[in-house]
Amino acid sequence: MDGINNWLVELNKNSPIWFGVVTVLTMSGMGVIIATIIEVLFKLLGVKGERIEIHH
C-alpha cells in the first residue's frame, strides 16, 4: 500500500493531468462497486420494481 501511495504522490508532482485521470477512474470504479452492492442487497431483501419511488 505504501508503494501505491508513493506512486500517486510522484504522479501528482510530475503529471497532474494523469493524476486527475487516475482519480476519476478510481472514483467511478468505486461508484460502480457501491451500486452493484446495493443492487444485490435489494435483490436479497426482495425489493421489486425498476425504480424506487419516494413519496413526500
C-alpha atoms as a PDB file:
ATOM      1  CA  MET A   1       0.000   0.000   0.000  1.00  0.00           C
ATOM      2  CA  ASP A   2       2.904   2.318   0.729  1.00  0.00           C
ATOM      3  CA  GLY A   3       4.212   1.812  -2.803  1.00  0.00           C
ATOM      4  CA  ILE A   4       0.883   2.854  -4.302  1.00  0.00           C
ATOM      5  CA  ASN A   5       0.807   5.984  -2.155  1.00  0.00           C
ATOM      6  CA  ASN A   6       4.348   6.933  -3.189  1.00  0.00           C
ATOM      7  CA  TRP A   7       3.493   6.315  -6.845  1.00  0.00           C
ATOM      8  CA  LEU A   8       0.419   8.558  -6.574  1.00  0.00           C
ATOM      9  CA  VAL A   9       2.427  11.325  -4.891  1.00  0.00           C
ATOM     10  CA  GLU A  10       5.050  11.195  -7.657  1.00  0.00           C
ATOM     11  CA  LEU A  11       2.346  11.105 -10.330  1.00  0.00           C
ATOM     12  CA  ASN A  12       0.699  14.170  -8.791  1.00  0.00           C
ATOM     13  CA  LYS A  13       4.032  16.043  -8.788  1.00  0.00           C
ATOM     14  CA  ASN A  14       5.087  15.045 -12.307  1.00  0.00           C
ATOM     15  CA  SER A  15       1.808  14.845 -14.212  1.00  0.00           C
ATOM     16  CA  PRO A  16      -1.273  16.372 -12.595  1.00  0.00           C
ATOM     17  CA  ILE A  17      -3.405  15.548 -15.644  1.00  0.00           C
ATOM     18  CA  TRP A  18      -2.719  11.803 -15.357  1.00  0.00           C
ATOM     19  CA  PHE A  19      -3.265  12.057 -11.606  1.00  0.00           C
ATOM     20  CA  GLY A  20      -6.692  13.525 -12.374  1.00  0.00           C
ATOM     21  CA  VAL A  21      -7.423  10.680 -14.795  1.00  0.00           C
ATOM     22  CA  VAL A  22      -6.463   8.098 -12.163  1.00  0.00           C
ATOM     23  CA  THR A  23      -8.633   9.890  -9.598  1.00  0.00           C
ATOM     24  CA  VAL A  24     -11.685   9.986 -11.886  1.00  0.00           C
ATOM     25  CA  LEU A  25     -11.295   6.318 -12.837  1.00  0.00           C
ATOM     26  CA  THR A  26     -10.893   5.332  -9.187  1.00  0.00           C
ATOM     27  CA  MET A  27     -13.975   7.256  -8.078  1.00  0.00           C
ATOM     28  CA  SER A  28     -16.135   5.965 -10.929  1.00  0.00           C
ATOM     29  CA  GLY A  29     -14.993   2.423 -10.202  1.00  0.00           C
ATOM     30  CA  MET A  30     -15.930   2.826  -6.561  1.00  0.00           C
ATOM     31  CA  GLY A  31     -19.338   4.138  -7.612  1.00  0.00           C
ATOM     32  CA  VAL A  32     -19.946   1.081  -9.779  1.00  0.00           C
ATOM     33  CA  ILE A  33     -18.944  -1.226  -6.927  1.00  0.00           C
ATOM     34  CA  ILE A  34     -21.248   0.562  -4.465  1.00  0.00           C
ATOM     35  CA  ALA A  35     -24.159   0.473  -6.943  1.00  0.00           C
ATOM     36  CA  THR A  36     -23.610  -3.246  -7.520  1.00  0.00           C
ATOM     37  CA  ILE A  37     -23.578  -3.968  -3.788  1.00  0.00           C
ATOM     38  CA  ILE A  38     -26.807  -2.005  -3.311  1.00  0.00           C
ATOM     39  CA  GLU A  39     -28.450  -3.802  -6.240  1.00  0.00           C
ATOM     40  CA  VAL A  40     -27.513  -7.228  -4.832  1.00  0.00           C
ATOM     41  CA  LEU A  41     -28.685  -6.179  -1.370  1.00  0.00           C
ATOM     42  CA  PHE A  42     -32.065  -5.066  -2.748  1.00  0.00           C
ATOM     43  CA  LYS A  43     -32.441  -8.367  -4.612  1.00  0.00           C
ATOM     44  CA  LEU A  44     -31.646 -10.311  -1.432  1.00  0.00           C
ATOM     45  CA  LEU A  45     -34.169  -8.236   0.531  1.00  0.00           C
ATOM     46  CA  GLY A  46     -36.822  -8.822  -2.120  1.00  0.00           C
ATOM     47  CA  VAL A  47     -37.224  -5.212  -3.211  1.00  0.00           C
ATOM     48  CA  LYS A  48     -39.014  -5.353  -6.555  1.00  0.00           C
ATOM     49  CA  GLY A  49     -39.553  -2.823  -9.294  1.00  0.00           C
ATOM     50  CA  GLU A  50     -37.421  -0.940 -11.720  1.00  0.00           C
ATOM     51  CA  ARG A  51     -37.153   2.135  -9.546  1.00  0.00           C
ATOM     52  CA  ILE A  52     -37.663   3.264  -6.007  1.00  0.00           C
ATOM     53  CA  GLU A  53     -40.331   5.926  -5.664  1.00  0.00           C
ATOM     54  CA  ILE A  54     -40.104   8.460  -2.879  1.00  0.00           C
ATOM     55  CA  HIS A  55     -43.435   9.930  -1.763  1.00  0.00           C
ATOM     56  CA  HIS A  56     -43.421  13.212   0.105  1.00  0.00           C
END
